[in-house]
Amino acid sequence: MVQARSTAMEEQIETADVKEGLERLEGFGSSGWGRYLALTTALIAVLAAVASLVSGNLANDALLAKNDALLLQIKASDGWNQYQSKSIKIHLLEGGLGTGGDGAATLDRYRNEQKQLKAAAEALQSRVEESNGRAEAFLEKHHTAALSVTLFQIAIALSAIGALLQRRAFWLLSIVMALAGLGFLGVAFGAFVS
């Protein structure tokens, strides 16, 4: 019986504590700055999602550009191999090791083919460098977008701390962090669109 009374008293004390806590929070969420905190936190979460998508797309673009550069490099290497092959044939013909009476005509044909192969390989090599440059630019913009995602996540965490501690300073700091994240997102998004 004594144990039943102490349990009932504990429940009344716990209920009173909960009731007191709810009364304290009553003004926080319904009409005070808590409503603005909730709205800004939701907005920051949306911005974080957008920044994450932009960051992922920029990373994909960087990988595609790097893949293009690799394929072009393979083609350029094939072109240089063909160029070297023609060079060896030319040297053999010039040394008299070639066969046939039309050696001069064959030599001229090989030299012309070699010039064409060299021009094609050089053109491919410049495209390789261009693709590598695009990949580096996309990767740099990806890092900027990823930084904005990080700042948005920090802002969300600061909003949560502000809500838990009921301190406006944390909420205001979260807004500052979100604005910084928005700036980085603007830079990354500007590069993403262009």
Protein backbone atom coordinates (compact mmCIF):
# COMPACT_ATOMS: atom_id res chain seq x y z
CA MET A 1 0.00 0.00 0.00
CA VAL A 2 2.85 2.34 0.83
CA GLN A 3 4.45 1.48 -2.46
CA ALA A 4 1.22 2.29 -4.37
CA ARG A 5 1.05 5.74 -2.72
CA SER A 6 4.67 6.58 -3.62
CA THR A 7 4.05 5.53 -7.22
CA ALA A 8 0.95 7.74 -7.39
CA MET A 9 2.91 10.68 -5.92
CA GLU A 10 5.74 10.16 -8.42
CA GLU A 11 3.22 10.20 -11.27
CA GLN A 12 1.72 13.43 -9.95
CA ILE A 13 5.17 15.01 -9.66
CA GLU A 14 6.13 13.85 -13.18
CA THR A 15 2.84 15.11 -14.55
CA ALA A 16 3.37 18.45 -12.82
CA ASP A 17 6.88 18.71 -14.33
CA VAL A 18 5.57 17.95 -17.80
CA LYS A 19 2.74 20.44 -17.37
CA GLU A 20 5.18 23.13 -16.26
CA GLY A 21 7.45 22.43 -19.23
CA LEU A 22 4.53 22.64 -21.65
CA GLU A 23 3.43 25.96 -20.17
CA ARG A 24 6.93 27.32 -20.75
CA LEU A 25 6.90 26.16 -24.36
CA GLU A 26 3.38 27.40 -25.03
CA GLY A 27 4.47 30.90 -25.99
CA PHE A 28 7.58 29.65 -27.78
CA GLY A 29 5.98 27.77 -30.66
CA SER A 30 2.61 29.34 -31.23
CA SER A 31 3.13 33.07 -31.51
CA GLY A 32 6.72 33.90 -30.56
CA TRP A 33 9.94 33.65 -32.49
CA GLY A 34 9.65 29.85 -32.42
CA ARG A 35 7.34 30.00 -35.43
CA TYR A 36 9.97 31.94 -37.38
CA LEU A 37 12.63 29.50 -36.23
CA ALA A 38 10.59 26.59 -37.59
CA LEU A 39 9.96 28.35 -40.91
CA THR A 40 13.58 29.35 -41.43
CA THR A 41 14.77 25.88 -40.50
CA ALA A 42 12.42 24.34 -43.08
CA LEU A 43 13.65 26.82 -45.69
CA ILE A 44 17.27 26.04 -44.86
CA ALA A 45 16.52 22.32 -45.24
CA VAL A 46 15.07 22.95 -48.72
CA LEU A 47 18.16 24.97 -49.67
CA ALA A 48 20.37 22.15 -48.40
CA ALA A 49 18.51 19.68 -50.62
CA VAL A 50 18.87 21.93 -53.68
CA ALA A 51 22.56 22.48 -52.94
CA SER A 52 23.05 18.75 -52.62
CA LEU A 53 21.46 18.17 -56.03
CA VAL A 54 23.58 20.87 -57.66
CA SER A 55 26.70 19.44 -56.03
CA GLY A 56 25.90 15.94 -57.27
CA ASN A 57 25.21 17.15 -60.81
CA LEU A 58 28.48 19.06 -60.89
CA ALA A 59 30.35 15.96 -59.71
CA ASN A 60 28.66 13.91 -62.46
CA ASP A 61 29.59 16.52 -65.07
CA ALA A 62 33.20 16.42 -63.85
CA LEU A 63 33.27 12.63 -64.19
CA LEU A 64 31.76 12.76 -67.68
CA ALA A 65 34.27 15.38 -68.83
CA LYS A 66 37.14 13.34 -67.38
CA ASN A 67 35.78 10.23 -69.13
CA ASP A 68 35.65 12.14 -72.43
CA ALA A 69 39.24 13.24 -71.90
CA LEU A 70 40.31 9.65 -71.32
CA LEU A 71 38.57 8.41 -74.46
CA LEU A 72 40.09 11.21 -76.51
CA GLN A 73 43.52 10.45 -75.03
CA ILE A 74 43.21 6.83 -76.16
CA LYS A 75 42.29 7.99 -79.68
CA ALA A 76 45.20 10.46 -79.68
CA SER A 77 47.58 7.70 -78.58
CA ASP A 78 46.33 5.50 -81.42
CA GLY A 79 46.95 8.37 -83.83
CA TRP A 80 50.48 8.86 -82.54
CA ASN A 81 51.12 5.11 -82.88
CA GLN A 82 50.02 5.25 -86.52
CA TYR A 83 52.24 8.28 -87.01
CA GLN A 84 55.24 6.36 -85.61
CA SER A 85 54.40 3.41 -87.84
CA LYS A 86 54.48 5.64 -90.92
CA SER A 87 57.73 7.15 -89.69
CA ILE A 88 59.34 3.71 -89.50
CA LYS A 89 58.10 2.85 -93.01
CA ILE A 90 59.50 6.14 -94.33
CA HIS A 91 62.89 5.45 -92.74
CA LEU A 92 62.92 1.95 -94.23
CA LEU A 93 62.12 3.30 -97.69
CA GLU A 94 64.73 6.04 -97.36
CA GLY A 95 67.32 3.48 -96.34
CA GLY A 96 66.65 1.42 -99.43
CA LEU A 97 65.09 -1.45 -97.57
CA GLY A 98 61.73 -0.88 -99.19
CA THR A 99 60.62 -2.94 -102.15
CA GLY A 100 59.40 -2.03 -105.58
CA GLY A 101 60.26 0.46 -108.28
CA ASP A 102 57.72 3.09 -107.23
CA GLY A 103 59.53 3.83 -103.96
CA ALA A 104 59.48 7.59 -104.47
CA ALA A 105 55.71 7.66 -104.96
CA THR A 106 55.20 5.43 -101.94
CA LEU A 107 57.54 7.62 -99.91
CA ASP A 108 55.56 10.74 -100.84
CA ARG A 109 52.29 9.01 -100.00
CA TYR A 110 53.61 7.91 -96.60
CA ARG A 111 54.86 11.43 -95.84
CA ASN A 112 51.45 12.91 -96.71
CA GLU A 113 49.69 10.29 -94.58
CA GLN A 114 52.11 11.00 -91.76
CA LYS A 115 51.33 14.74 -91.90
CA GLN A 116 47.60 13.99 -91.77
CA LEU A 117 48.07 11.60 -88.85
CA LYS A 118 50.11 14.19 -86.97
CA ALA A 119 47.48 16.91 -87.51
CA ALA A 120 44.69 14.56 -86.36
CA ALA A 121 46.64 13.44 -83.28
CA GLU A 122 47.44 17.06 -82.33
CA ALA A 123 43.78 18.02 -82.73
CA LEU A 124 42.75 15.15 -80.47
CA GLN A 125 45.40 16.15 -77.95
CA SER A 126 44.02 19.70 -77.76
CA ARG A 127 40.53 18.26 -77.21
CA VAL A 128 41.95 16.12 -74.38
CA GLU A 129 43.33 19.23 -72.69
CA GLU A 130 40.01 21.04 -73.17
CA SER A 131 38.07 18.14 -71.60
CA ASN A 132 40.50 17.96 -68.69
CA GLY A 133 40.04 21.70 -68.14
CA ARG A 134 36.26 21.34 -68.13
CA ALA A 135 36.51 18.46 -65.65
CA GLU A 136 38.67 20.55 -63.32
CA ALA A 137 36.25 23.49 -63.55
CA PHE A 138 33.25 21.26 -62.77
CA LEU A 139 35.10 19.69 -59.85
CA GLU A 140 35.96 23.11 -58.42
CA LYS A 141 32.31 24.18 -58.63
CA HIS A 142 31.29 20.87 -57.04
CA HIS A 143 33.52 21.68 -54.07
CA THR A 144 31.86 25.09 -53.76
CA ALA A 145 28.39 23.51 -53.81
CA ALA A 146 29.48 20.88 -51.28
CA LEU A 147 30.68 23.66 -49.00
CA SER A 148 27.24 25.29 -49.23
CA VAL A 149 25.63 21.97 -48.23
CA THR A 150 27.90 21.82 -45.19
CA LEU A 151 27.02 25.38 -44.17
CA PHE A 152 23.30 24.63 -44.53
CA GLN A 153 23.67 21.54 -42.34
CA ILE A 154 25.49 23.57 -39.69
CA ALA A 155 22.69 26.16 -39.87
CA ILE A 156 20.07 23.46 -39.31
CA ALA A 157 22.00 22.16 -36.30
CA LEU A 158 22.25 25.66 -34.85
CA SER A 159 18.50 26.13 -35.33
CA ALA A 160 17.87 22.92 -33.44
CA ILE A 161 20.14 24.08 -30.62
CA GLY A 162 18.31 27.41 -30.56
CA ALA A 163 14.97 25.63 -30.30
CA LEU A 164 16.14 23.28 -27.56
CA LEU A 165 17.79 25.99 -25.51
CA GLN A 166 15.26 28.66 -26.49
CA ARG A 167 18.09 31.03 -27.34
CA ARG A 168 17.65 33.44 -30.20
CA ALA A 169 21.40 33.87 -30.58
CA PHE A 170 21.76 30.33 -31.94
CA TRP A 171 18.86 30.90 -34.33
CA LEU A 172 20.37 34.16 -35.58
CA LEU A 173 23.74 32.47 -36.01
CA SER A 174 22.00 29.76 -38.02
CA ILE A 175 20.56 32.44 -40.31
CA VAL A 176 24.03 33.90 -40.82
CA MET A 177 25.39 30.44 -41.68
CA ALA A 178 22.50 29.85 -44.07
CA LEU A 179 23.20 33.16 -45.81
CA ALA A 180 26.84 32.17 -46.22
CA GLY A 181 25.70 28.82 -47.63
CA LEU A 182 23.35 30.65 -49.98
CA GLY A 183 26.28 32.72 -51.23
CA PHE A 184 28.33 29.63 -52.00
CA LEU A 185 25.31 28.00 -53.62
CA GLY A 186 24.84 31.07 -55.81
CA VAL A 187 28.44 30.82 -57.01
CA ALA A 188 28.12 27.08 -57.70
CA PHE A 189 24.66 27.41 -59.28
CA GLY A 190 25.84 30.25 -61.49
CA ALA A 191 28.56 27.98 -62.83
CA PHE A 192 26.12 25.07 -63.10
CA VAL A 193 23.71 27.05 -65.28
CA SER A 194 26.40 28.47 -67.54
